[in-house]
Amino acid sequence: MNINQRGFANIVLVITIVVILVGAVGYFALRKPTTEPTISPTSNNTQPIQPQVTPPPTTNQTLPPPQAGMLRYQSSHGFSIDYLANWRYDSTIEKYGSVGEAEKVSGNHFSIYSYPVNNSYNPGAPVPQNEIKIETSVSSNVHRSLDEWINSLALENVLRTESISINGKSAKKILYGGEMGSILSIYYLDDGRKVIFTAYPSDTKYSQEFDAIVKTFRFTN
């Protein structure tokens, strides 16, 4: 082989090697695994929106403590009333398992006295002079308005009617004539439950105390 032929062969060899190298580089470049894009955190501090949770309604009413000089009668039947610390109360309704059970035998009542009473006291006895007895009856399942309920009682000889409020709800204070003289009662209706507060005697000197005590009455469930 002469010099020209050897030179040509060298050129072909170089070209072949270059082609092989280029092909190899291309092959490995195509097989390079793709990289998942990286998401940079944003510069603002946006917090996730938290759902607003409404607390479940409570069934029991939290009452403030009685005022100074007052005690509280808390019934097992879901109501309470405050009275003067030197007064007394007697409750027949606590002898029964429910208000409905007490109603069946006319035992759905309790009384507050401005004078001492004991176990031998006759609830029907006359109230001593210059004293007061507040007799209260509690009933349930009244599906009518306050006025409809009072009208159904067909009170006779109504002498005076006054609208008052007990725990933000309407009540009626009515003085009317009865067989044994005038009667002073407050009629209160709350969520289908009715209450009658009656003062004996109707012309008691404790009329302000009567109103104040009645206005502390609350259904607690």
N, C-alpha and C. Protein backbone atom coordinates (compact mmCIF):
# COMPACT_ATOMS: atom_id res chain seq x y z
N MET A 1 0.87 -1.18 0.00
CA MET A 1 0.00 0.00 0.00
C MET A 1 0.90 1.23 0.00
N ASN A 2 0.59 2.20 -0.89
CA ASN A 2 1.40 3.40 -0.97
C ASN A 2 0.94 4.42 0.05
N ILE A 3 1.62 5.53 0.06
CA ILE A 3 1.36 6.57 1.08
C ILE A 3 -0.04 7.14 0.94
N ASN A 4 -0.54 7.36 -0.24
CA ASN A 4 -1.88 7.95 -0.44
C ASN A 4 -2.97 7.02 0.09
N GLN A 5 -2.76 5.74 -0.15
CA GLN A 5 -3.78 4.79 0.32
C GLN A 5 -3.82 4.74 1.84
N ARG A 6 -2.62 4.76 2.51
CA ARG A 6 -2.59 4.75 3.99
C ARG A 6 -3.23 6.01 4.55
N GLY A 7 -3.04 7.14 3.91
CA GLY A 7 -3.65 8.40 4.41
C GLY A 7 -5.16 8.35 4.32
N PHE A 8 -5.64 7.81 3.23
CA PHE A 8 -7.10 7.72 3.07
C PHE A 8 -7.71 6.78 4.11
N ALA A 9 -7.02 5.69 4.38
CA ALA A 9 -7.52 4.72 5.37
C ALA A 9 -7.57 5.33 6.75
N ASN A 10 -6.58 6.15 7.07
CA ASN A 10 -6.57 6.81 8.39
C ASN A 10 -7.75 7.76 8.54
N ILE A 11 -8.03 8.48 7.47
CA ILE A 11 -9.17 9.43 7.51
C ILE A 11 -10.48 8.68 7.74
N VAL A 12 -10.66 7.57 7.03
CA VAL A 12 -11.88 6.76 7.20
C VAL A 12 -11.99 6.25 8.61
N LEU A 13 -10.86 5.83 9.19
CA LEU A 13 -10.87 5.31 10.56
C LEU A 13 -11.28 6.38 11.57
N VAL A 14 -10.73 7.58 11.36
CA VAL A 14 -11.08 8.70 12.28
C VAL A 14 -12.56 9.03 12.18
N ILE A 15 -13.06 9.08 10.97
CA ILE A 15 -14.49 9.41 10.78
C ILE A 15 -15.37 8.35 11.43
N THR A 16 -14.95 7.08 11.29
CA THR A 16 -15.73 5.98 11.89
C THR A 16 -15.77 6.11 13.40
N ILE A 17 -14.60 6.42 13.98
CA ILE A 17 -14.55 6.57 15.46
C ILE A 17 -15.43 7.72 15.92
N VAL A 18 -15.39 8.84 15.19
CA VAL A 18 -16.21 10.02 15.56
C VAL A 18 -17.69 9.67 15.50
N VAL A 19 -18.08 8.96 14.43
CA VAL A 19 -19.51 8.58 14.29
C VAL A 19 -19.94 7.70 15.45
N ILE A 20 -19.05 6.75 15.83
CA ILE A 20 -19.39 5.85 16.94
C ILE A 20 -19.55 6.62 18.24
N LEU A 21 -18.62 7.58 18.47
CA LEU A 21 -18.70 8.38 19.71
C LEU A 21 -19.96 9.23 19.75
N VAL A 22 -20.27 9.88 18.64
CA VAL A 22 -21.50 10.71 18.57
C VAL A 22 -22.73 9.86 18.81
N GLY A 23 -22.75 8.68 18.21
CA GLY A 23 -23.90 7.79 18.42
C GLY A 23 -24.04 7.36 19.86
N ALA A 24 -22.89 7.07 20.49
CA ALA A 24 -22.94 6.64 21.90
C ALA A 24 -23.45 7.76 22.79
N VAL A 25 -22.94 8.98 22.55
CA VAL A 25 -23.41 10.13 23.35
C VAL A 25 -24.90 10.34 23.18
N GLY A 26 -25.37 10.25 21.93
CA GLY A 26 -26.81 10.43 21.69
C GLY A 26 -27.64 9.35 22.35
N TYR A 27 -27.11 8.11 22.33
CA TYR A 27 -27.85 7.00 22.95
C TYR A 27 -28.04 7.21 24.45
N PHE A 28 -26.93 7.57 25.13
CA PHE A 28 -27.03 7.77 26.58
C PHE A 28 -27.83 9.01 26.94
N ALA A 29 -27.78 10.02 26.06
CA ALA A 29 -28.58 11.23 26.31
C ALA A 29 -30.07 10.92 26.25
N LEU A 30 -30.44 10.06 25.30
CA LEU A 30 -31.86 9.71 25.19
C LEU A 30 -32.32 8.85 26.35
N ARG A 31 -31.43 8.06 26.95
CA ARG A 31 -31.80 7.19 28.07
C ARG A 31 -31.73 7.87 29.42
N LYS A 32 -31.34 9.16 29.49
CA LYS A 32 -31.22 9.88 30.76
C LYS A 32 -32.59 10.03 31.39
N PRO A 33 -32.78 9.59 32.63
CA PRO A 33 -34.11 9.68 33.25
C PRO A 33 -34.55 11.12 33.44
N THR A 34 -35.84 11.29 33.26
CA THR A 34 -36.40 12.64 33.45
C THR A 34 -36.49 12.95 34.93
N THR A 35 -36.32 14.18 35.27
CA THR A 35 -36.36 14.64 36.67
C THR A 35 -37.66 15.37 36.94
N GLU A 36 -38.35 14.97 38.03
CA GLU A 36 -39.60 15.64 38.38
C GLU A 36 -39.32 17.10 38.72
N PRO A 37 -40.15 17.99 38.22
CA PRO A 37 -39.92 19.41 38.51
C PRO A 37 -40.07 19.67 40.00
N THR A 38 -39.26 20.54 40.52
CA THR A 38 -39.30 20.91 41.93
C THR A 38 -40.10 22.19 42.08
N ILE A 39 -41.11 22.16 42.95
CA ILE A 39 -41.97 23.32 43.18
C ILE A 39 -41.44 24.08 44.38
N SER A 40 -41.04 25.28 44.15
CA SER A 40 -40.52 26.09 45.25
C SER A 40 -41.68 26.64 46.06
N PRO A 41 -41.54 26.67 47.37
CA PRO A 41 -42.62 27.23 48.20
C PRO A 41 -42.82 28.70 47.91
N THR A 42 -44.08 29.12 47.98
CA THR A 42 -44.38 30.53 47.76
C THR A 42 -43.93 31.35 48.95
N SER A 43 -43.75 32.60 48.71
CA SER A 43 -43.23 33.47 49.75
C SER A 43 -44.28 33.88 50.76
N ASN A 44 -45.61 33.82 50.39
CA ASN A 44 -46.63 34.23 51.36
C ASN A 44 -46.93 33.08 52.32
N ASN A 45 -47.44 33.41 53.48
CA ASN A 45 -47.71 32.42 54.54
C ASN A 45 -49.20 32.13 54.62
N THR A 46 -49.79 31.73 53.53
CA THR A 46 -51.22 31.45 53.51
C THR A 46 -51.52 30.21 54.33
N GLN A 47 -52.41 30.33 55.31
CA GLN A 47 -52.79 29.22 56.16
C GLN A 47 -54.03 28.54 55.60
N PRO A 48 -54.17 27.25 55.78
CA PRO A 48 -55.38 26.58 55.31
C PRO A 48 -56.61 27.09 56.04
N ILE A 49 -57.72 27.18 55.34
CA ILE A 49 -58.97 27.67 55.92
C ILE A 49 -59.56 26.59 56.81
N GLN A 50 -59.76 26.92 58.06
CA GLN A 50 -60.33 25.97 59.01
C GLN A 50 -61.85 26.09 59.00
N PRO A 51 -62.57 24.99 58.96
CA PRO A 51 -64.03 25.08 59.02
C PRO A 51 -64.49 25.60 60.37
N GLN A 52 -65.53 26.43 60.34
CA GLN A 52 -66.10 26.95 61.58
C GLN A 52 -67.01 25.91 62.19
N VAL A 53 -66.78 25.62 63.44
CA VAL A 53 -67.55 24.60 64.15
C VAL A 53 -68.47 25.30 65.13
N THR A 54 -69.75 25.06 65.00
CA THR A 54 -70.73 25.63 65.92
C THR A 54 -70.92 24.67 67.08
N PRO A 55 -70.70 25.13 68.30
CA PRO A 55 -70.86 24.22 69.44
C PRO A 55 -72.30 23.76 69.56
N PRO A 56 -72.52 22.54 70.02
CA PRO A 56 -73.89 22.05 70.16
C PRO A 56 -74.64 22.84 71.20
N PRO A 57 -75.96 23.03 71.02
CA PRO A 57 -76.72 23.78 72.01
C PRO A 57 -76.76 23.06 73.34
N THR A 58 -76.73 23.83 74.39
CA THR A 58 -76.81 23.25 75.73
C THR A 58 -78.26 23.14 76.15
N THR A 59 -78.55 22.11 76.86
CA THR A 59 -79.92 21.90 77.29
C THR A 59 -80.17 22.45 78.68
N ASN A 60 -79.11 22.58 79.46
CA ASN A 60 -79.27 23.09 80.81
C ASN A 60 -78.85 24.54 80.88
N GLN A 61 -79.68 25.33 81.53
CA GLN A 61 -79.42 26.75 81.64
C GLN A 61 -78.55 27.01 82.87
N THR A 62 -77.44 27.74 82.66
CA THR A 62 -76.58 28.10 83.77
C THR A 62 -77.11 29.36 84.41
N LEU A 63 -77.41 29.29 85.70
CA LEU A 63 -78.01 30.41 86.39
C LEU A 63 -76.98 31.12 87.25
N PRO A 64 -77.10 32.44 87.37
CA PRO A 64 -76.23 33.14 88.32
C PRO A 64 -76.63 32.76 89.74
N PRO A 65 -75.74 32.91 90.70
CA PRO A 65 -76.09 32.57 92.08
C PRO A 65 -77.18 33.49 92.60
N PRO A 66 -77.91 33.07 93.63
CA PRO A 66 -78.95 33.93 94.21
C PRO A 66 -78.34 35.23 94.74
N GLN A 67 -79.14 36.26 94.79
CA GLN A 67 -78.69 37.52 95.36
C GLN A 67 -78.47 37.35 96.86
N ALA A 68 -77.74 38.29 97.43
CA ALA A 68 -77.48 38.25 98.87
C ALA A 68 -78.79 38.24 99.64
N GLY A 69 -78.86 37.39 100.66
CA GLY A 69 -80.07 37.28 101.46
C GLY A 69 -81.13 36.38 100.87
N MET A 70 -80.79 35.66 99.78
CA MET A 70 -81.74 34.78 99.12
C MET A 70 -81.20 33.35 99.11
N LEU A 71 -82.11 32.38 99.11
CA LEU A 71 -81.79 30.98 98.92
C LEU A 71 -82.48 30.49 97.66
N ARG A 72 -82.03 29.35 97.15
CA ARG A 72 -82.61 28.82 95.90
C ARG A 72 -83.19 27.44 96.13
N TYR A 73 -84.43 27.28 95.69
CA TYR A 73 -85.05 25.96 95.65
C TYR A 73 -84.85 25.42 94.24
N GLN A 74 -84.07 24.37 94.11
CA GLN A 74 -83.79 23.74 92.82
C GLN A 74 -84.54 22.42 92.76
N SER A 75 -85.56 22.36 91.92
CA SER A 75 -86.40 21.16 91.83
C SER A 75 -85.73 20.10 90.96
N SER A 76 -86.00 18.85 91.27
CA SER A 76 -85.53 17.75 90.44
C SER A 76 -86.31 17.66 89.14
N HIS A 77 -87.36 18.46 89.00
CA HIS A 77 -88.19 18.45 87.80
C HIS A 77 -87.82 19.57 86.83
N GLY A 78 -86.64 20.16 87.01
CA GLY A 78 -86.13 21.09 86.01
C GLY A 78 -86.60 22.52 86.14
N PHE A 79 -86.74 23.02 87.34
CA PHE A 79 -87.02 24.45 87.53
C PHE A 79 -86.42 24.90 88.85
N SER A 80 -86.30 26.20 89.00
CA SER A 80 -85.76 26.75 90.25
C SER A 80 -86.45 28.07 90.55
N ILE A 81 -86.37 28.48 91.83
CA ILE A 81 -86.91 29.76 92.26
C ILE A 81 -86.15 30.19 93.50
N ASP A 82 -85.91 31.48 93.63
CA ASP A 82 -85.20 32.02 94.79
C ASP A 82 -86.20 32.62 95.77
N TYR A 83 -85.87 32.56 97.05
CA TYR A 83 -86.75 33.11 98.08
C TYR A 83 -85.89 33.67 99.21
N LEU A 84 -86.49 34.48 100.06
CA LEU A 84 -85.74 35.10 101.15
C LEU A 84 -85.19 34.05 102.10
N ALA A 85 -83.99 34.29 102.60
CA ALA A 85 -83.29 33.29 103.40
C ALA A 85 -84.01 32.94 104.69
N ASN A 86 -84.79 33.86 105.24
CA ASN A 86 -85.50 33.57 106.49
C ASN A 86 -86.93 33.10 106.25
N TRP A 87 -87.27 32.80 104.99
CA TRP A 87 -88.56 32.22 104.66
C TRP A 87 -88.40 30.70 104.52
N ARG A 88 -89.51 30.01 104.27
CA ARG A 88 -89.50 28.55 104.18
C ARG A 88 -90.19 28.11 102.88
N TYR A 89 -89.89 26.90 102.48
CA TYR A 89 -90.63 26.34 101.34
C TYR A 89 -91.01 24.90 101.66
N ASP A 90 -92.07 24.46 101.04
CA ASP A 90 -92.54 23.08 101.17
C ASP A 90 -92.95 22.61 99.78
N SER A 91 -92.47 21.45 99.37
CA SER A 91 -92.72 20.99 98.01
C SER A 91 -93.38 19.63 97.99
N THR A 92 -94.58 19.59 97.45
CA THR A 92 -95.28 18.32 97.25
C THR A 92 -94.84 17.65 95.96
N ILE A 93 -94.49 18.44 94.96
CA ILE A 93 -94.17 17.90 93.64
C ILE A 93 -92.95 16.98 93.67
N GLU A 94 -92.06 17.16 94.65
CA GLU A 94 -90.85 16.33 94.72
C GLU A 94 -91.16 14.88 95.12
N LYS A 95 -92.36 14.61 95.57
CA LYS A 95 -92.73 13.25 95.95
C LYS A 95 -93.00 12.37 94.73
N TYR A 96 -93.02 12.97 93.54
CA TYR A 96 -93.42 12.24 92.34
C TYR A 96 -92.26 12.21 91.34
N GLY A 97 -92.30 11.21 90.47
CA GLY A 97 -91.21 11.02 89.53
C GLY A 97 -91.20 12.00 88.37
N SER A 98 -92.33 12.61 88.09
CA SER A 98 -92.41 13.57 86.99
C SER A 98 -93.54 14.55 87.26
N VAL A 99 -93.51 15.66 86.53
CA VAL A 99 -94.59 16.64 86.67
C VAL A 99 -95.91 16.03 86.23
N GLY A 100 -95.88 15.25 85.14
CA GLY A 100 -97.11 14.62 84.67
C GLY A 100 -97.71 13.68 85.69
N GLU A 101 -96.86 12.92 86.36
CA GLU A 101 -97.35 12.02 87.41
C GLU A 101 -97.97 12.80 88.55
N ALA A 102 -97.33 13.91 88.93
CA ALA A 102 -97.86 14.74 90.01
C ALA A 102 -99.19 15.38 89.63
N GLU A 103 -99.33 15.77 88.37
CA GLU A 103 -100.57 16.40 87.90
C GLU A 103 -101.77 15.47 88.08
N LYS A 104 -101.57 14.19 87.87
CA LYS A 104 -102.69 13.24 87.91
C LYS A 104 -103.37 13.21 89.27
N VAL A 105 -102.62 13.55 90.32
CA VAL A 105 -103.18 13.50 91.67
C VAL A 105 -103.16 14.89 92.32
N SER A 106 -103.07 15.94 91.47
CA SER A 106 -103.05 17.33 91.96
C SER A 106 -101.92 17.57 92.95
N GLY A 107 -100.80 16.91 92.71
CA GLY A 107 -99.65 17.09 93.59
C GLY A 107 -98.55 17.93 92.95
N ASN A 108 -98.89 18.63 91.89
CA ASN A 108 -97.89 19.37 91.11
C ASN A 108 -97.70 20.80 91.63
N HIS A 109 -97.42 20.93 92.92
CA HIS A 109 -97.29 22.28 93.47
C HIS A 109 -96.24 22.32 94.58
N PHE A 110 -95.81 23.53 94.88
CA PHE A 110 -94.93 23.81 96.03
C PHE A 110 -95.33 25.17 96.59
N SER A 111 -94.94 25.43 97.83
CA SER A 111 -95.32 26.69 98.49
C SER A 111 -94.12 27.32 99.17
N ILE A 112 -94.13 28.65 99.23
CA ILE A 112 -93.13 29.43 99.95
C ILE A 112 -93.85 30.25 101.01
N TYR A 113 -93.32 30.24 102.23
CA TYR A 113 -93.97 30.90 103.37
C TYR A 113 -93.04 31.96 103.97
N SER A 114 -93.64 33.05 104.41
CA SER A 114 -92.87 34.06 105.14
C SER A 114 -92.83 33.76 106.63
N TYR A 115 -93.41 32.65 107.05
CA TYR A 115 -93.52 32.28 108.47
C TYR A 115 -93.12 30.82 108.64
N PRO A 116 -92.75 30.41 109.84
CA PRO A 116 -92.30 29.03 110.06
C PRO A 116 -93.41 28.01 109.84
N VAL A 117 -93.06 26.89 109.25
CA VAL A 117 -93.98 25.75 109.10
C VAL A 117 -93.21 24.50 109.49
N ASN A 118 -93.93 23.46 109.88
CA ASN A 118 -93.29 22.19 110.22
C ASN A 118 -94.05 21.05 109.57
N ASN A 119 -93.65 19.83 109.87
CA ASN A 119 -94.26 18.66 109.23
C ASN A 119 -95.74 18.51 109.56
N SER A 120 -96.16 19.05 110.68
CA SER A 120 -97.56 18.92 111.08
C SER A 120 -98.42 20.07 110.56
N TYR A 121 -97.81 20.98 109.79
CA TYR A 121 -98.56 22.14 109.30
C TYR A 121 -99.60 21.72 108.28
N ASN A 122 -100.79 22.26 108.39
CA ASN A 122 -101.87 22.00 107.46
C ASN A 122 -101.80 23.01 106.32
N PRO A 123 -101.51 22.58 105.10
CA PRO A 123 -101.38 23.54 103.99
C PRO A 123 -102.64 24.36 103.77
N GLY A 124 -103.78 23.86 104.19
CA GLY A 124 -105.02 24.60 104.00
C GLY A 124 -105.35 25.55 105.13
N ALA A 125 -104.48 25.64 106.11
CA ALA A 125 -104.74 26.52 107.25
C ALA A 125 -104.64 27.98 106.83
N PRO A 126 -105.39 28.86 107.50
CA PRO A 126 -105.33 30.29 107.17
C PRO A 126 -103.92 30.84 107.35
N VAL A 127 -103.57 31.79 106.52
CA VAL A 127 -102.27 32.43 106.61
C VAL A 127 -102.30 33.42 107.78
N PRO A 128 -101.31 33.36 108.65
CA PRO A 128 -101.29 34.30 109.78
C PRO A 128 -101.32 35.76 109.31
N GLN A 129 -101.81 36.62 110.15
CA GLN A 129 -101.92 38.04 109.81
C GLN A 129 -100.53 38.62 109.52
N ASN A 130 -100.47 39.48 108.52
CA ASN A 130 -99.24 40.17 108.12
C ASN A 130 -98.17 39.21 107.58
N GLU A 131 -98.59 38.05 107.10
CA GLU A 131 -97.66 37.10 106.48
C GLU A 131 -98.12 36.82 105.05
N ILE A 132 -97.37 35.99 104.35
CA ILE A 132 -97.74 35.63 102.98
C ILE A 132 -97.40 34.18 102.71
N LYS A 133 -98.23 33.56 101.92
CA LYS A 133 -97.98 32.23 101.39
C LYS A 133 -98.05 32.32 99.87
N ILE A 134 -97.00 31.85 99.20
CA ILE A 134 -96.98 31.83 97.73
C ILE A 134 -97.13 30.39 97.29
N GLU A 135 -98.28 30.07 96.74
CA GLU A 135 -98.54 28.70 96.28
C GLU A 135 -98.35 28.66 94.77
N THR A 136 -97.58 27.68 94.31
CA THR A 136 -97.22 27.60 92.90
C THR A 136 -97.54 26.22 92.35
N SER A 137 -98.21 26.19 91.20
CA SER A 137 -98.48 24.92 90.51
C SER A 137 -97.76 24.93 89.17
N VAL A 138 -97.20 23.77 88.82
CA VAL A 138 -96.43 23.62 87.57
C VAL A 138 -97.07 22.51 86.75
N SER A 139 -97.35 22.78 85.49
CA SER A 139 -97.97 21.79 84.60
C SER A 139 -97.23 21.77 83.28
N SER A 140 -97.50 20.75 82.48
CA SER A 140 -96.80 20.59 81.20
C SER A 140 -97.80 20.35 80.08
N ASN A 141 -97.25 20.34 78.86
CA ASN A 141 -98.02 20.00 77.66
C ASN A 141 -99.22 20.92 77.45
N VAL A 142 -98.94 22.23 77.41
CA VAL A 142 -99.97 23.22 77.12
C VAL A 142 -99.69 23.76 75.72
N HIS A 143 -100.52 23.40 74.77
CA HIS A 143 -100.28 23.77 73.37
C HIS A 143 -101.21 24.92 72.98
N ARG A 144 -101.00 26.06 73.62
CA ARG A 144 -101.78 27.26 73.31
C ARG A 144 -101.00 28.48 73.78
N SER A 145 -101.45 29.64 73.36
CA SER A 145 -100.77 30.87 73.77
C SER A 145 -101.16 31.24 75.19
N LEU A 146 -100.46 32.23 75.75
CA LEU A 146 -100.75 32.68 77.11
C LEU A 146 -102.18 33.19 77.22
N ASP A 147 -102.60 34.03 76.28
CA ASP A 147 -103.96 34.58 76.33
C ASP A 147 -105.01 33.49 76.14
N GLU A 148 -104.76 32.55 75.24
CA GLU A 148 -105.72 31.46 75.03
C GLU A 148 -105.86 30.63 76.30
N TRP A 149 -104.75 30.37 76.95
CA TRP A 149 -104.79 29.59 78.19
C TRP A 149 -105.58 30.33 79.26
N ILE A 150 -105.29 31.62 79.46
CA ILE A 150 -105.99 32.39 80.50
C ILE A 150 -107.48 32.48 80.18
N ASN A 151 -107.82 32.70 78.91
CA ASN A 151 -109.24 32.78 78.54
C ASN A 151 -109.97 31.46 78.81
N SER A 152 -109.26 30.34 78.65
CA SER A 152 -109.89 29.04 78.88
C SER A 152 -110.23 28.83 80.36
N LEU A 153 -109.59 29.59 81.25
CA LEU A 153 -109.85 29.46 82.69
C LEU A 153 -111.16 30.12 83.09
N ALA A 154 -111.67 30.99 82.23
CA ALA A 154 -112.95 31.67 82.48
C ALA A 154 -112.99 32.30 83.88
N LEU A 155 -111.97 33.10 84.18
CA LEU A 155 -111.92 33.78 85.47
C LEU A 155 -113.06 34.77 85.58
N GLU A 156 -113.70 34.80 86.73
CA GLU A 156 -114.84 35.69 86.94
C GLU A 156 -114.43 36.90 87.78
N ASN A 157 -115.16 37.98 87.55
CA ASN A 157 -114.97 39.20 88.34
C ASN A 157 -113.52 39.67 88.34
N VAL A 158 -112.95 39.75 87.15
CA VAL A 158 -111.56 40.23 87.03
C VAL A 158 -111.52 41.71 87.40
N LEU A 159 -110.70 42.03 88.39
CA LEU A 159 -110.60 43.40 88.89
C LEU A 159 -109.42 44.16 88.28
N ARG A 160 -108.34 43.44 88.00
CA ARG A 160 -107.15 44.12 87.47
C ARG A 160 -106.27 43.11 86.73
N THR A 161 -105.72 43.54 85.60
CA THR A 161 -104.79 42.71 84.83
C THR A 161 -103.55 43.53 84.50
N GLU A 162 -102.40 42.94 84.74
CA GLU A 162 -101.13 43.63 84.49
C GLU A 162 -100.18 42.69 83.75
N SER A 163 -99.56 43.20 82.70
CA SER A 163 -98.57 42.42 81.95
C SER A 163 -97.20 42.59 82.59
N ILE A 164 -96.53 41.48 82.87
CA ILE A 164 -95.18 41.52 83.44
C ILE A 164 -94.29 40.58 82.63
N SER A 165 -93.02 40.51 83.01
CA SER A 165 -92.07 39.65 82.31
C SER A 165 -91.34 38.76 83.31
N ILE A 166 -91.21 37.49 82.97
CA ILE A 166 -90.44 36.53 83.76
C ILE A 166 -89.42 35.89 82.83
N ASN A 167 -88.15 36.12 83.11
CA ASN A 167 -87.08 35.56 82.28
C ASN A 167 -87.25 35.94 80.81
N GLY A 168 -87.68 37.17 80.56
CA GLY A 168 -87.83 37.66 79.21
C GLY A 168 -89.07 37.19 78.49
N LYS A 169 -89.94 36.48 79.18
CA LYS A 169 -91.17 35.98 78.57
C LYS A 169 -92.38 36.62 79.23
N SER A 170 -93.45 36.72 78.47
CA SER A 170 -94.65 37.41 78.96
C SER A 170 -95.37 36.61 80.03
N ALA A 171 -95.93 37.33 80.98
CA ALA A 171 -96.77 36.74 82.03
C ALA A 171 -97.87 37.73 82.34
N LYS A 172 -98.92 37.27 82.99
CA LYS A 172 -100.05 38.13 83.35
C LYS A 172 -100.31 38.03 84.85
N LYS A 173 -100.41 39.18 85.48
CA LYS A 173 -100.74 39.28 86.90
C LYS A 173 -102.19 39.73 87.00
N ILE A 174 -103.03 38.87 87.57
CA ILE A 174 -104.48 39.11 87.54
C ILE A 174 -105.05 39.07 88.96
N LEU A 175 -105.83 40.06 89.29
CA LEU A 175 -106.59 40.10 90.54
C LEU A 175 -108.05 39.91 90.19
N TYR A 176 -108.66 38.89 90.76
CA TYR A 176 -110.07 38.62 90.44
C TYR A 176 -110.81 38.18 91.70
N GLY A 177 -112.12 38.27 91.65
CA GLY A 177 -112.95 37.92 92.79
C GLY A 177 -113.28 36.44 92.82
N GLY A 178 -113.13 35.84 94.01
CA GLY A 178 -113.47 34.44 94.19
C GLY A 178 -114.55 34.28 95.23
N GLU A 179 -114.92 33.04 95.52
CA GLU A 179 -115.98 32.78 96.49
C GLU A 179 -115.61 33.24 97.89
N MET A 180 -114.32 33.14 98.21
CA MET A 180 -113.86 33.50 99.56
C MET A 180 -113.14 34.84 99.58
N GLY A 181 -113.31 35.64 98.54
CA GLY A 181 -112.63 36.92 98.47
C GLY A 181 -111.77 37.01 97.22
N SER A 182 -111.03 38.09 97.09
CA SER A 182 -110.21 38.29 95.90
C SER A 182 -108.98 37.38 95.90
N ILE A 183 -108.52 37.05 94.70
CA ILE A 183 -107.36 36.17 94.50
C ILE A 183 -106.37 36.88 93.59
N LEU A 184 -105.10 36.85 93.96
CA LEU A 184 -104.04 37.47 93.16
C LEU A 184 -103.12 36.37 92.63
N SER A 185 -103.09 36.22 91.32
CA SER A 185 -102.27 35.17 90.70
C SER A 185 -101.48 35.72 89.53
N ILE A 186 -100.33 35.10 89.29
CA ILE A 186 -99.51 35.40 88.12
C ILE A 186 -99.48 34.15 87.25
N TYR A 187 -99.80 34.32 85.97
CA TYR A 187 -99.88 33.21 85.01
C TYR A 187 -98.70 33.32 84.04
N TYR A 188 -97.95 32.22 83.94
CA TYR A 188 -96.71 32.22 83.16
C TYR A 188 -96.67 30.98 82.29
N LEU A 189 -96.29 31.17 81.02
CA LEU A 189 -96.22 30.07 80.07
C LEU A 189 -94.85 30.07 79.40
N ASP A 190 -94.19 28.91 79.38
CA ASP A 190 -92.85 28.82 78.80
C ASP A 190 -92.70 27.49 78.08
N ASP A 191 -92.68 27.54 76.75
CA ASP A 191 -92.43 26.35 75.93
C ASP A 191 -93.38 25.20 76.29
N GLY A 192 -94.66 25.51 76.36
CA GLY A 192 -95.65 24.48 76.63
C GLY A 192 -95.79 24.08 78.08
N ARG A 193 -95.12 24.78 78.97
CA ARG A 193 -95.21 24.49 80.40
C ARG A 193 -95.83 25.69 81.10
N LYS A 194 -96.84 25.46 81.90
CA LYS A 194 -97.55 26.57 82.54
C LYS A 194 -97.31 26.57 84.04
N VAL A 195 -97.28 27.78 84.58
CA VAL A 195 -97.04 27.97 86.01
C VAL A 195 -98.03 29.01 86.51
N ILE A 196 -98.62 28.75 87.68
CA ILE A 196 -99.50 29.71 88.33
C ILE A 196 -98.94 29.99 89.72
N PHE A 197 -98.65 31.26 89.99
CA PHE A 197 -98.19 31.70 91.30
C PHE A 197 -99.35 32.46 91.96
N THR A 198 -99.76 32.05 93.14
CA THR A 198 -100.88 32.71 93.83
C THR A 198 -100.43 33.18 95.20
N ALA A 199 -100.75 34.44 95.51
CA ALA A 199 -100.39 35.04 96.80
C ALA A 199 -101.60 35.00 97.73
N TYR A 200 -101.36 34.52 98.94
CA TYR A 200 -102.40 34.53 99.99
C TYR A 200 -101.87 35.32 101.18
N PRO A 201 -102.61 36.34 101.63
CA PRO A 201 -103.82 36.92 101.04
C PRO A 201 -103.48 37.81 99.84
N SER A 202 -104.50 38.17 99.08
CA SER A 202 -104.26 38.97 97.88
C SER A 202 -103.81 40.39 98.19
N ASP A 203 -104.18 40.88 99.38
CA ASP A 203 -103.79 42.24 99.76
C ASP A 203 -102.57 42.23 100.68
N THR A 204 -101.70 41.26 100.52
CA THR A 204 -100.54 41.11 101.37
C THR A 204 -99.63 42.34 101.36
N LYS A 205 -99.00 42.58 102.48
CA LYS A 205 -98.03 43.68 102.54
C LYS A 205 -96.73 43.30 101.84
N TYR A 206 -96.60 42.03 101.48
CA TYR A 206 -95.40 41.54 100.81
C TYR A 206 -95.59 41.50 99.29
N SER A 207 -96.35 42.43 98.75
CA SER A 207 -96.62 42.39 97.31
C SER A 207 -95.34 42.57 96.48
N GLN A 208 -94.43 43.43 96.95
CA GLN A 208 -93.17 43.62 96.22
C GLN A 208 -92.30 42.37 96.29
N GLU A 209 -92.25 41.75 97.46
CA GLU A 209 -91.49 40.51 97.61
C GLU A 209 -92.10 39.41 96.74
N PHE A 210 -93.41 39.38 96.67
CA PHE A 210 -94.09 38.40 95.82
C PHE A 210 -93.63 38.54 94.37
N ASP A 211 -93.65 39.76 93.85
CA ASP A 211 -93.23 39.99 92.47
C ASP A 211 -91.76 39.61 92.27
N ALA A 212 -90.91 40.02 93.21
CA ALA A 212 -89.47 39.76 93.06
C ALA A 212 -89.16 38.27 93.08
N ILE A 213 -89.82 37.53 93.95
CA ILE A 213 -89.59 36.08 94.03
C ILE A 213 -90.06 35.38 92.76
N VAL A 214 -91.24 35.73 92.31
CA VAL A 214 -91.79 35.11 91.10
C VAL A 214 -90.87 35.34 89.90
N LYS A 215 -90.28 36.51 89.81
CA LYS A 215 -89.44 36.83 88.65
C LYS A 215 -88.10 36.09 88.65
N THR A 216 -87.78 35.40 89.75
CA THR A 216 -86.56 34.57 89.75
C THR A 216 -86.83 33.16 89.24
N PHE A 217 -88.08 32.83 88.97
CA PHE A 217 -88.42 31.47 88.52
C PHE A 217 -87.78 31.20 87.17
N ARG A 218 -87.20 30.01 87.03
CA ARG A 218 -86.60 29.60 85.77
C ARG A 218 -86.84 28.11 85.53
N PHE A 219 -87.15 27.76 84.29
CA PHE A 219 -87.04 26.37 83.87
C PHE A 219 -85.57 26.15 83.50
N THR A 220 -84.98 25.12 84.04
CA THR A 220 -83.54 24.91 83.85
C THR A 220 -83.21 23.82 82.83
N ASN A 221 -84.21 23.22 82.21
CA ASN A 221 -83.95 22.27 81.13
C ASN A 221 -85.12 22.24 80.18
